[in-house]
Amino acid sequence: MLYRHPAVLAAAVVAKPDARWGETPCAFIELKAGAQVSVEDMVAHCKRHLAGFKVPRAIVFGELPKTSTGKIQKFALRQQAGSASAIDV
């Protein structure tokens, strides 16, 4: 759903630890050049198209870490979100 927003170039969602729910979605978004979007706008976009439990509770804007072949490094995003310890590697 994040890719459907016109300002989004790349996006990934990982689990973030949460005291109440155990885990909640955390979205990492790379915007297109010159695009500006607020966290509130992205949350509203997601709420229009997703069930409430699927809407990201945290959104981080910035360049996404990628491999040399261009794939998003989700393990690095999990470390940023603090959920790396919950993954069996």
N, C-alpha and C. Protein backbone atom coordinates (compact mmCIF):
# COMPACT_ATOMS: atom_id res chain seq x y z
N MET A 1 0.82 -1.19 0.00
CA MET A 1 0.00 0.00 0.00
C MET A 1 0.87 1.25 0.00
N LEU A 2 2.02 1.19 0.64
CA LEU A 2 2.90 2.35 0.69
C LEU A 2 3.37 2.77 -0.70
N TYR A 3 3.61 1.80 -1.56
CA TYR A 3 4.08 2.10 -2.91
C TYR A 3 3.01 2.80 -3.75
N ARG A 4 1.77 2.72 -3.37
CA ARG A 4 0.70 3.38 -4.12
C ARG A 4 0.67 4.89 -3.89
N HIS A 5 1.33 5.36 -2.86
CA HIS A 5 1.39 6.80 -2.61
C HIS A 5 2.31 7.42 -3.66
N PRO A 6 1.92 8.52 -4.29
CA PRO A 6 2.71 9.09 -5.38
C PRO A 6 4.09 9.60 -4.99
N ALA A 7 4.35 9.85 -3.73
CA ALA A 7 5.65 10.38 -3.30
C ALA A 7 6.65 9.29 -2.92
N VAL A 8 6.22 8.04 -2.87
CA VAL A 8 7.07 6.95 -2.38
C VAL A 8 7.89 6.34 -3.51
N LEU A 9 9.21 6.30 -3.30
CA LEU A 9 10.12 5.65 -4.24
C LEU A 9 10.34 4.19 -3.83
N ALA A 10 10.62 3.98 -2.55
CA ALA A 10 10.85 2.62 -2.03
C ALA A 10 10.32 2.56 -0.60
N ALA A 11 9.91 1.37 -0.19
CA ALA A 11 9.36 1.21 1.16
C ALA A 11 9.57 -0.22 1.64
N ALA A 12 9.66 -0.35 2.96
CA ALA A 12 9.76 -1.67 3.59
C ALA A 12 9.13 -1.55 4.98
N VAL A 13 8.52 -2.64 5.42
CA VAL A 13 7.89 -2.67 6.73
C VAL A 13 8.47 -3.82 7.52
N VAL A 14 8.87 -3.54 8.77
CA VAL A 14 9.38 -4.58 9.66
C VAL A 14 8.65 -4.47 11.00
N ALA A 15 8.80 -5.48 11.81
CA ALA A 15 8.17 -5.48 13.13
C ALA A 15 9.01 -4.67 14.10
N LYS A 16 8.32 -3.91 14.95
CA LYS A 16 8.97 -3.13 16.00
C LYS A 16 8.39 -3.60 17.33
N PRO A 17 9.24 -3.85 18.32
CA PRO A 17 8.73 -4.30 19.62
C PRO A 17 7.76 -3.28 20.22
N ASP A 18 6.71 -3.79 20.86
CA ASP A 18 5.71 -2.94 21.48
C ASP A 18 5.31 -3.55 22.81
N ALA A 19 5.26 -2.72 23.85
CA ALA A 19 4.95 -3.22 25.20
C ALA A 19 3.54 -3.81 25.27
N ARG A 20 2.59 -3.21 24.57
CA ARG A 20 1.21 -3.66 24.66
C ARG A 20 0.89 -4.81 23.71
N TRP A 21 1.31 -4.70 22.45
CA TRP A 21 0.92 -5.67 21.43
C TRP A 21 1.99 -6.71 21.12
N GLY A 22 3.17 -6.56 21.66
CA GLY A 22 4.27 -7.48 21.34
C GLY A 22 5.08 -6.95 20.17
N GLU A 23 4.40 -6.72 19.04
CA GLU A 23 5.03 -6.14 17.86
C GLU A 23 4.02 -5.25 17.13
N THR A 24 4.53 -4.21 16.51
CA THR A 24 3.71 -3.36 15.66
C THR A 24 4.47 -3.06 14.38
N PRO A 25 3.77 -2.73 13.29
CA PRO A 25 4.46 -2.42 12.04
C PRO A 25 5.24 -1.10 12.12
N CYS A 26 6.43 -1.11 11.56
CA CYS A 26 7.27 0.07 11.44
C CYS A 26 7.67 0.21 9.97
N ALA A 27 7.28 1.31 9.34
CA ALA A 27 7.54 1.52 7.92
C ALA A 27 8.76 2.40 7.71
N PHE A 28 9.62 1.99 6.80
CA PHE A 28 10.76 2.78 6.36
C PHE A 28 10.46 3.19 4.93
N ILE A 29 10.50 4.50 4.67
CA ILE A 29 10.08 5.01 3.37
C ILE A 29 11.15 5.93 2.78
N GLU A 30 11.48 5.65 1.52
CA GLU A 30 12.38 6.52 0.76
C GLU A 30 11.50 7.28 -0.23
N LEU A 31 11.56 8.61 -0.15
CA LEU A 31 10.72 9.44 -1.00
C LEU A 31 11.40 9.75 -2.33
N LYS A 32 10.57 10.06 -3.32
CA LYS A 32 11.09 10.48 -4.63
C LYS A 32 11.75 11.85 -4.47
N ALA A 33 12.67 12.16 -5.36
CA ALA A 33 13.39 13.43 -5.31
C ALA A 33 12.40 14.60 -5.34
N GLY A 34 12.56 15.50 -4.39
CA GLY A 34 11.71 16.68 -4.33
C GLY A 34 10.37 16.48 -3.66
N ALA A 35 10.02 15.27 -3.31
CA ALA A 35 8.72 14.99 -2.68
C ALA A 35 8.80 15.25 -1.18
N GLN A 36 7.70 15.73 -0.64
CA GLN A 36 7.60 15.94 0.81
C GLN A 36 6.26 15.41 1.28
N VAL A 37 6.31 14.60 2.32
CA VAL A 37 5.11 14.01 2.90
C VAL A 37 5.29 13.97 4.40
N SER A 38 4.26 14.26 5.14
CA SER A 38 4.34 14.18 6.60
C SER A 38 3.95 12.78 7.06
N VAL A 39 4.32 12.47 8.28
CA VAL A 39 3.96 11.18 8.87
C VAL A 39 2.43 11.07 8.93
N GLU A 40 1.77 12.16 9.28
CA GLU A 40 0.31 12.15 9.38
C GLU A 40 -0.34 11.83 8.04
N ASP A 41 0.22 12.38 6.95
CA ASP A 41 -0.32 12.10 5.62
C ASP A 41 -0.17 10.62 5.26
N MET A 42 0.98 10.04 5.59
CA MET A 42 1.21 8.62 5.28
C MET A 42 0.28 7.73 6.11
N VAL A 43 0.10 8.07 7.37
CA VAL A 43 -0.79 7.29 8.23
C VAL A 43 -2.22 7.38 7.70
N ALA A 44 -2.65 8.57 7.30
CA ALA A 44 -4.00 8.75 6.75
C ALA A 44 -4.16 7.94 5.47
N HIS A 45 -3.14 7.93 4.62
CA HIS A 45 -3.17 7.15 3.38
C HIS A 45 -3.35 5.67 3.70
N CYS A 46 -2.60 5.18 4.67
CA CYS A 46 -2.70 3.76 5.05
C CYS A 46 -4.05 3.44 5.67
N LYS A 47 -4.57 4.33 6.51
CA LYS A 47 -5.85 4.08 7.17
C LYS A 47 -7.00 3.99 6.17
N ARG A 48 -6.87 4.70 5.04
CA ARG A 48 -7.92 4.64 4.03
C ARG A 48 -7.97 3.29 3.33
N HIS A 49 -6.83 2.58 3.30
CA HIS A 49 -6.75 1.36 2.49
C HIS A 49 -6.44 0.08 3.27
N LEU A 50 -6.09 0.19 4.54
CA LEU A 50 -5.69 -0.99 5.32
C LEU A 50 -6.53 -1.15 6.58
N ALA A 51 -6.56 -2.36 7.09
CA ALA A 51 -7.18 -2.61 8.38
C ALA A 51 -6.35 -1.91 9.46
N GLY A 52 -6.98 -1.53 10.54
CA GLY A 52 -6.32 -0.76 11.59
C GLY A 52 -5.05 -1.38 12.13
N PHE A 53 -5.03 -2.71 12.31
CA PHE A 53 -3.85 -3.35 12.87
C PHE A 53 -2.69 -3.40 11.89
N LYS A 54 -2.93 -3.15 10.61
CA LYS A 54 -1.88 -3.17 9.60
C LYS A 54 -1.24 -1.79 9.39
N VAL A 55 -1.85 -0.75 9.89
CA VAL A 55 -1.32 0.62 9.71
C VAL A 55 -0.04 0.76 10.53
N PRO A 56 1.04 1.24 9.93
CA PRO A 56 2.31 1.40 10.67
C PRO A 56 2.15 2.35 11.85
N ARG A 57 2.68 1.94 13.00
CA ARG A 57 2.65 2.78 14.19
C ARG A 57 3.83 3.75 14.19
N ALA A 58 4.87 3.41 13.45
CA ALA A 58 6.05 4.27 13.33
C ALA A 58 6.43 4.34 11.86
N ILE A 59 6.81 5.55 11.42
CA ILE A 59 7.24 5.75 10.04
C ILE A 59 8.55 6.51 10.07
N VAL A 60 9.54 5.97 9.35
CA VAL A 60 10.87 6.58 9.29
C VAL A 60 11.15 6.93 7.83
N PHE A 61 11.44 8.21 7.57
CA PHE A 61 11.78 8.65 6.22
C PHE A 61 13.29 8.71 6.07
N GLY A 62 13.79 8.29 4.93
CA GLY A 62 15.22 8.34 4.66
C GLY A 62 15.58 7.33 3.59
N GLU A 63 16.85 7.31 3.24
CA GLU A 63 17.33 6.36 2.23
C GLU A 63 17.38 4.97 2.83
N LEU A 64 16.87 3.99 2.09
CA LEU A 64 16.86 2.61 2.58
C LEU A 64 18.19 1.93 2.25
N PRO A 65 18.71 1.12 3.20
CA PRO A 65 19.95 0.39 2.91
C PRO A 65 19.68 -0.71 1.88
N LYS A 66 20.55 -0.78 0.88
CA LYS A 66 20.35 -1.76 -0.20
C LYS A 66 21.64 -2.54 -0.46
N THR A 67 21.48 -3.73 -1.02
CA THR A 67 22.62 -4.54 -1.41
C THR A 67 23.19 -4.00 -2.72
N SER A 68 24.27 -4.58 -3.18
CA SER A 68 24.87 -4.14 -4.44
C SER A 68 23.96 -4.41 -5.64
N THR A 69 23.01 -5.33 -5.47
CA THR A 69 22.07 -5.62 -6.56
C THR A 69 20.77 -4.83 -6.43
N GLY A 70 20.67 -3.97 -5.41
CA GLY A 70 19.51 -3.10 -5.26
C GLY A 70 18.40 -3.61 -4.38
N LYS A 71 18.59 -4.77 -3.73
CA LYS A 71 17.56 -5.29 -2.84
C LYS A 71 17.63 -4.59 -1.48
N ILE A 72 16.49 -4.34 -0.88
CA ILE A 72 16.44 -3.68 0.43
C ILE A 72 16.94 -4.63 1.50
N GLN A 73 17.83 -4.16 2.35
CA GLN A 73 18.41 -4.97 3.43
C GLN A 73 17.49 -4.89 4.65
N LYS A 74 16.53 -5.80 4.71
CA LYS A 74 15.56 -5.77 5.81
C LYS A 74 16.20 -6.07 7.16
N PHE A 75 17.28 -6.85 7.17
CA PHE A 75 17.94 -7.14 8.44
C PHE A 75 18.47 -5.85 9.07
N ALA A 76 18.96 -4.93 8.25
CA ALA A 76 19.45 -3.65 8.76
C ALA A 76 18.29 -2.81 9.29
N LEU A 77 17.15 -2.89 8.64
CA LEU A 77 15.98 -2.16 9.10
C LEU A 77 15.45 -2.74 10.41
N ARG A 78 15.52 -4.06 10.54
CA ARG A 78 15.10 -4.69 11.80
C ARG A 78 15.99 -4.23 12.95
N GLN A 79 17.28 -4.08 12.68
CA GLN A 79 18.19 -3.59 13.71
C GLN A 79 17.83 -2.17 14.10
N GLN A 80 17.52 -1.32 13.14
CA GLN A 80 17.12 0.05 13.43
C GLN A 80 15.83 0.08 14.24
N ALA A 81 14.90 -0.80 13.94
CA ALA A 81 13.61 -0.83 14.64
C ALA A 81 13.73 -1.49 16.01
N GLY A 82 14.83 -2.17 16.25
CA GLY A 82 15.02 -2.82 17.55
C GLY A 82 14.43 -4.20 17.63
N SER A 83 14.09 -4.80 16.51
CA SER A 83 13.46 -6.13 16.54
C SER A 83 14.41 -7.24 16.11
N ALA A 84 15.68 -6.96 15.97
CA ALA A 84 16.63 -7.98 15.50
C ALA A 84 16.72 -9.15 16.46
N SER A 85 16.52 -8.92 17.75
CA SER A 85 16.62 -10.01 18.72
C SER A 85 15.46 -10.98 18.63
N ALA A 86 14.36 -10.58 17.97
CA ALA A 86 13.20 -11.45 17.85
C ALA A 86 13.28 -12.36 16.63
N ILE A 87 14.30 -12.23 15.83
CA ILE A 87 14.44 -13.00 14.59
C ILE A 87 15.36 -14.17 14.81
N ASP A 88 14.95 -15.35 14.37
CA ASP A 88 15.81 -16.53 14.41
C ASP A 88 16.65 -16.54 13.14
N VAL A 89 17.94 -16.27 13.28
CA VAL A 89 18.81 -16.21 12.10
C VAL A 89 19.71 -17.43 12.08
